[in-house]
Amino acid sequence: MAEDTSDQPLRTLIVDDEPLAVERMQVICAKLKDLAVVGTASDGACALRLVEALKPDLVLLDMTMPEMDGLAVARKLARLEQRPAVIFVTAHDHFAVEAFDLDAVDYVLKPVAPDRLGRAIERAMARRGEAVAAASEWLTELWVPHRSELLRIEIAQVSRIDAERDYVRLHVADRNYLLLQTIAGLEKRLDPAEFIRIHRSTILRREHIHGLRHDGLGVWSVELDDGEALRIGRTYLPKVKAMAGR
């Protein structure tokens, strides 16, 4: 029977090419009861060697480092059978999409505030113990830039997604957010039991579809529960009609 380690501190590796940043992170981590720092690395190659040797539960990973940056390190970690959780720690906010594509636990901006890192650690603790095989293959959340911060959006809150060039617009209740992501790429990561694409530029949550309407000349529209009607693209019509058993 496997030992239950859910209440033990996360064995943590700090990776940053700036000595002062490593020192500051060590000071912050020393005050967090759920962390135990087992090592530090100043570059990506060293980080990978230490991960192999120390088998940490968590890596606090800087994004911008010479030769091998944080994204490259995370991609290599993702291939490991026993891969650690990753929290990116960076001064740059424009790598968030790539970071969460790699299943990062969180994305913390420098200068790191202890309470912000503490919230990220809580997320890492909550994830521990989840078997990789049991993890959902579908997206459950997205992190979107909004003003000077990153907001966590639960997929369950998204009612509609519209394409806008290389971006998608997420509709969440009475608000909407832009995310740098193609609609085709996002569609592949959404649960088809919950979402359906009705047009090259529109994905809808199925539960908000009230009905289908034939407008003549082979044109069909989706009627939403708020009364709005959206045209169905010909390419997507067979799948939409199949949803209605037609």
Protein backbone atom coordinates (compact mmCIF):
# COMPACT_ATOMS: atom_id res chain seq x y z
CA MET A 1 0.00 0.00 0.00
CA ALA A 2 1.43 3.39 -1.03
CA GLU A 3 2.41 5.75 1.74
CA ASP A 4 0.07 8.73 2.16
CA THR A 5 2.24 11.84 1.75
CA SER A 6 -0.62 14.32 1.27
CA ASP A 7 0.10 16.10 4.58
CA GLN A 8 3.89 16.22 4.17
CA PRO A 9 5.75 19.33 2.92
CA LEU A 10 6.39 19.56 -0.81
CA ARG A 11 10.03 18.75 -1.55
CA THR A 12 10.91 21.80 -3.63
CA LEU A 13 13.63 22.76 -6.11
CA ILE A 14 14.23 26.48 -6.79
CA VAL A 15 15.49 27.31 -10.29
CA ASP A 16 16.66 30.84 -11.11
CA ASP A 17 19.80 32.25 -12.72
CA GLU A 18 19.86 35.28 -10.40
CA PRO A 19 21.51 34.54 -7.00
CA LEU A 20 19.59 37.30 -5.25
CA ALA A 21 16.30 35.94 -6.59
CA VAL A 22 17.20 32.45 -5.30
CA GLU A 23 18.10 33.89 -1.91
CA ARG A 24 14.84 35.82 -1.69
CA MET A 25 12.84 32.76 -2.68
CA GLN A 26 14.62 30.66 -0.03
CA VAL A 27 13.69 33.21 2.63
CA ILE A 28 10.04 33.18 1.55
CA CYS A 29 9.92 29.39 1.31
CA ALA A 30 11.39 29.00 4.80
CA LYS A 31 8.25 30.65 6.19
CA LEU A 32 5.84 28.32 4.37
CA LYS A 33 5.07 25.18 6.36
CA ASP A 34 4.02 23.22 3.26
CA LEU A 35 7.46 23.56 1.60
CA ALA A 36 10.84 21.99 2.18
CA VAL A 37 13.56 23.29 -0.16
CA VAL A 38 15.80 20.39 -1.21
CA GLY A 39 18.01 22.23 -3.69
CA THR A 40 18.60 25.16 -6.01
CA ALA A 41 19.74 25.39 -9.63
CA SER A 42 21.05 28.35 -11.61
CA ASP A 43 20.29 27.07 -15.12
CA GLY A 44 18.01 24.68 -16.99
CA ALA A 45 20.53 21.87 -17.48
CA CYS A 46 21.42 21.84 -13.80
CA ALA A 47 17.71 21.87 -12.92
CA LEU A 48 17.08 18.73 -14.97
CA ARG A 49 20.01 16.91 -13.37
CA LEU A 50 18.77 17.79 -9.89
CA VAL A 51 15.21 16.76 -10.69
CA GLU A 52 16.52 13.36 -11.74
CA ALA A 53 18.66 13.03 -8.62
CA LEU A 54 16.37 14.53 -5.98
CA LYS A 55 12.90 13.65 -7.33
CA PRO A 56 11.29 16.85 -5.98
CA ASP A 57 7.51 17.24 -5.70
CA LEU A 58 7.63 20.83 -6.92
CA VAL A 59 9.85 23.08 -9.05
CA LEU A 60 9.72 26.87 -8.63
CA LEU A 61 10.90 27.72 -12.12
CA ASP A 62 12.19 31.02 -13.51
CA MET A 63 11.05 31.70 -17.07
CA THR A 64 13.95 33.62 -18.62
CA MET A 65 17.32 31.89 -18.31
CA PRO A 66 20.26 31.63 -20.75
CA GLU A 67 20.60 28.63 -23.10
CA MET A 68 17.56 26.71 -21.79
CA ASP A 69 14.62 28.83 -20.63
CA GLY A 70 11.87 27.82 -18.24
CA LEU A 71 9.48 26.67 -20.96
CA ALA A 72 12.12 24.33 -22.40
CA VAL A 73 12.78 22.89 -18.94
CA ALA A 74 9.04 22.40 -18.32
CA ARG A 75 8.64 20.59 -21.65
CA LYS A 76 11.36 18.14 -20.67
CA LEU A 77 9.85 17.67 -17.21
CA ALA A 78 6.48 16.92 -18.78
CA ARG A 79 7.97 13.83 -20.44
CA LEU A 80 9.07 12.30 -17.14
CA GLU A 81 7.12 9.38 -15.76
CA GLN A 82 7.40 10.88 -12.27
CA ARG A 83 7.19 14.55 -13.06
CA PRO A 84 7.17 17.29 -10.43
CA ALA A 85 4.57 20.01 -10.29
CA VAL A 86 5.76 23.34 -11.75
CA ILE A 87 5.08 26.88 -10.61
CA PHE A 88 6.56 29.48 -12.92
CA VAL A 89 8.10 32.50 -11.19
CA THR A 90 8.87 35.30 -13.61
CA ALA A 91 8.97 39.04 -14.19
CA HIS A 92 7.16 38.63 -17.53
CA ASP A 93 3.40 38.14 -17.88
CA HIS A 94 3.28 37.27 -21.62
CA PHE A 95 4.29 33.60 -21.27
CA ALA A 96 1.17 32.62 -19.32
CA VAL A 97 -0.62 30.84 -22.17
CA GLU A 98 2.41 28.65 -22.95
CA ALA A 99 2.91 27.98 -19.25
CA PHE A 100 -0.60 26.68 -18.66
CA ASP A 101 -0.46 24.69 -21.89
CA LEU A 102 2.30 22.78 -20.07
CA ASP A 103 -0.04 22.15 -17.13
CA ALA A 104 1.73 24.53 -14.77
CA VAL A 105 0.14 24.75 -11.32
CA ASP A 106 0.45 28.52 -11.25
CA TYR A 107 2.23 31.55 -12.73
CA VAL A 108 3.61 33.95 -10.13
CA LEU A 109 4.95 37.36 -11.10
CA LYS A 110 8.06 38.92 -9.60
CA PRO A 111 8.63 40.55 -7.21
CA VAL A 112 7.11 37.58 -5.42
CA ALA A 113 4.73 38.39 -2.59
CA PRO A 114 4.73 35.73 0.15
CA ASP A 115 0.92 35.54 0.27
CA ARG A 116 0.74 35.12 -3.52
CA LEU A 117 3.27 32.30 -3.44
CA GLY A 118 1.35 30.81 -0.54
CA ARG A 119 -1.80 30.62 -2.67
CA ALA A 120 0.18 28.93 -5.44
CA ILE A 121 1.51 26.38 -2.97
CA GLU A 122 -2.03 25.65 -1.80
CA ARG A 123 -2.90 24.81 -5.40
CA ALA A 124 0.13 22.52 -5.65
CA MET A 125 -0.85 20.77 -2.42
CA ALA A 126 -4.37 20.27 -3.71
CA ARG A 127 -3.01 18.62 -6.85
CA ARG A 128 -0.69 16.24 -5.06
CA GLY A 129 -1.88 12.71 -4.94
CA GLU A 130 -3.83 12.93 -8.19
CA ALA A 131 -2.83 10.06 -10.45
CA VAL A 132 -1.76 11.14 -13.93
CA ALA A 133 -3.99 8.48 -15.43
CA ALA A 134 -6.98 9.89 -13.59
CA ALA A 135 -6.36 13.47 -14.69
CA SER A 136 -8.92 14.81 -17.11
CA GLU A 137 -7.80 15.09 -20.70
CA TRP A 138 -10.04 18.16 -21.07
CA LEU A 139 -9.37 21.70 -19.92
CA THR A 140 -10.87 22.66 -16.58
CA GLU A 141 -9.50 26.19 -16.33
CA LEU A 142 -7.81 29.00 -18.23
CA TRP A 143 -5.66 31.87 -17.00
CA VAL A 144 -6.24 35.13 -18.86
CA PRO A 145 -4.42 38.47 -18.67
CA HIS A 146 -6.65 41.24 -17.33
CA ARG A 147 -5.21 44.70 -16.64
CA SER A 148 -2.13 44.07 -14.48
CA GLU A 149 -2.99 40.58 -13.29
CA LEU A 150 -3.85 37.06 -14.44
CA LEU A 151 -7.34 35.78 -13.75
CA ARG A 152 -8.31 32.14 -13.34
CA ILE A 153 -11.39 31.30 -15.38
CA GLU A 154 -13.09 27.98 -14.78
CA ILE A 155 -14.17 26.34 -18.03
CA ALA A 156 -17.51 25.61 -16.35
CA GLN A 157 -18.12 29.39 -16.27
CA VAL A 158 -17.58 29.91 -20.02
CA SER A 159 -20.80 30.07 -22.05
CA ARG A 160 -19.44 31.05 -25.46
CA ILE A 161 -16.13 31.45 -27.29
CA ASP A 162 -15.66 33.70 -30.32
CA ALA A 163 -12.63 33.82 -32.62
CA GLU A 164 -10.95 37.18 -33.20
CA ARG A 165 -7.92 36.66 -35.46
CA ASP A 166 -5.26 34.93 -33.31
CA TYR A 167 -7.31 35.48 -30.15
CA VAL A 168 -10.45 34.04 -28.65
CA ARG A 169 -13.01 35.98 -26.64
CA LEU A 170 -14.31 34.10 -23.62
CA HIS A 171 -17.84 35.00 -22.52
CA VAL A 172 -18.27 34.57 -18.76
CA ALA A 173 -21.63 35.75 -17.39
CA ASP A 174 -21.84 39.46 -18.27
CA ARG A 175 -18.09 39.85 -18.85
CA ASN A 176 -15.69 38.74 -21.56
CA TYR A 177 -11.93 38.26 -21.81
CA LEU A 178 -9.42 38.05 -24.67
CA LEU A 179 -6.93 35.20 -24.72
CA LEU A 180 -4.07 34.68 -27.17
CA GLN A 181 -5.16 31.29 -28.51
CA THR A 182 -6.64 30.05 -31.80
CA ILE A 183 -10.17 28.76 -31.68
CA ALA A 184 -9.11 25.52 -33.41
CA GLY A 185 -6.43 24.86 -30.82
CA LEU A 186 -8.80 25.58 -27.95
CA GLU A 187 -11.56 23.41 -29.44
CA LYS A 188 -9.31 20.33 -29.29
CA ARG A 189 -8.91 20.80 -25.53
CA LEU A 190 -12.60 21.30 -24.69
CA ASP A 191 -14.86 18.45 -23.63
CA PRO A 192 -17.16 17.76 -26.62
CA ALA A 193 -19.84 16.63 -24.17
CA GLU A 194 -19.98 20.23 -22.91
CA PHE A 195 -19.08 22.36 -25.96
CA ILE A 196 -19.92 22.30 -29.66
CA ARG A 197 -18.51 24.38 -32.49
CA ILE A 198 -21.27 25.80 -34.68
CA HIS A 199 -19.22 28.08 -36.92
CA ARG A 200 -15.57 28.67 -37.78
CA SER A 201 -15.64 31.56 -35.32
CA THR A 202 -18.03 30.31 -32.60
CA ILE A 203 -18.05 27.60 -29.93
CA LEU A 204 -21.04 27.29 -27.60
CA ARG A 205 -21.72 25.54 -24.33
CA ARG A 206 -24.33 22.95 -25.20
CA GLU A 207 -26.58 23.67 -22.24
CA HIS A 208 -27.20 27.23 -23.49
CA ILE A 209 -28.65 26.01 -26.79
CA HIS A 210 -32.44 26.30 -26.64
CA GLY A 211 -33.17 24.97 -30.12
CA LEU A 212 -32.38 24.91 -33.85
CA ARG A 213 -34.18 26.91 -36.50
CA HIS A 214 -34.35 26.42 -40.27
CA ASP A 215 -34.25 29.80 -42.02
CA GLY A 216 -34.77 28.50 -45.56
CA LEU A 217 -32.38 27.79 -48.45
CA GLY A 218 -30.46 25.33 -46.29
CA VAL A 219 -29.58 27.93 -43.66
CA TRP A 220 -29.85 26.86 -40.02
CA SER A 221 -29.43 28.85 -36.82
CA VAL A 222 -28.96 28.04 -33.17
CA GLU A 223 -31.36 29.69 -30.75
CA LEU A 224 -29.78 30.44 -27.37
CA ASP A 225 -31.58 30.47 -24.05
CA ASP A 226 -31.33 34.28 -23.96
CA GLY A 227 -33.18 34.56 -27.29
CA GLU A 228 -30.16 35.31 -29.49
CA ALA A 229 -29.88 33.43 -32.80
CA LEU A 230 -26.51 32.47 -34.30
CA ARG A 231 -26.02 31.09 -37.77
CA ILE A 232 -24.59 27.58 -38.09
CA GLY A 233 -21.75 27.17 -40.60
CA ARG A 234 -22.33 24.53 -43.27
CA THR A 235 -19.22 22.61 -42.23
CA TYR A 236 -20.55 22.26 -38.68
CA LEU A 237 -24.24 21.69 -39.48
CA PRO A 238 -24.11 17.84 -39.54
CA LYS A 239 -22.55 17.69 -36.07
CA VAL A 240 -25.00 20.24 -34.66
CA LYS A 241 -27.99 18.38 -36.13
CA ALA A 242 -26.60 15.10 -34.79
CA MET A 243 -26.64 16.69 -31.33
CA ALA A 244 -30.40 17.06 -31.79
CA GLY A 245 -30.73 13.51 -33.07
CA ARG A 246 -31.35 14.60 -36.66
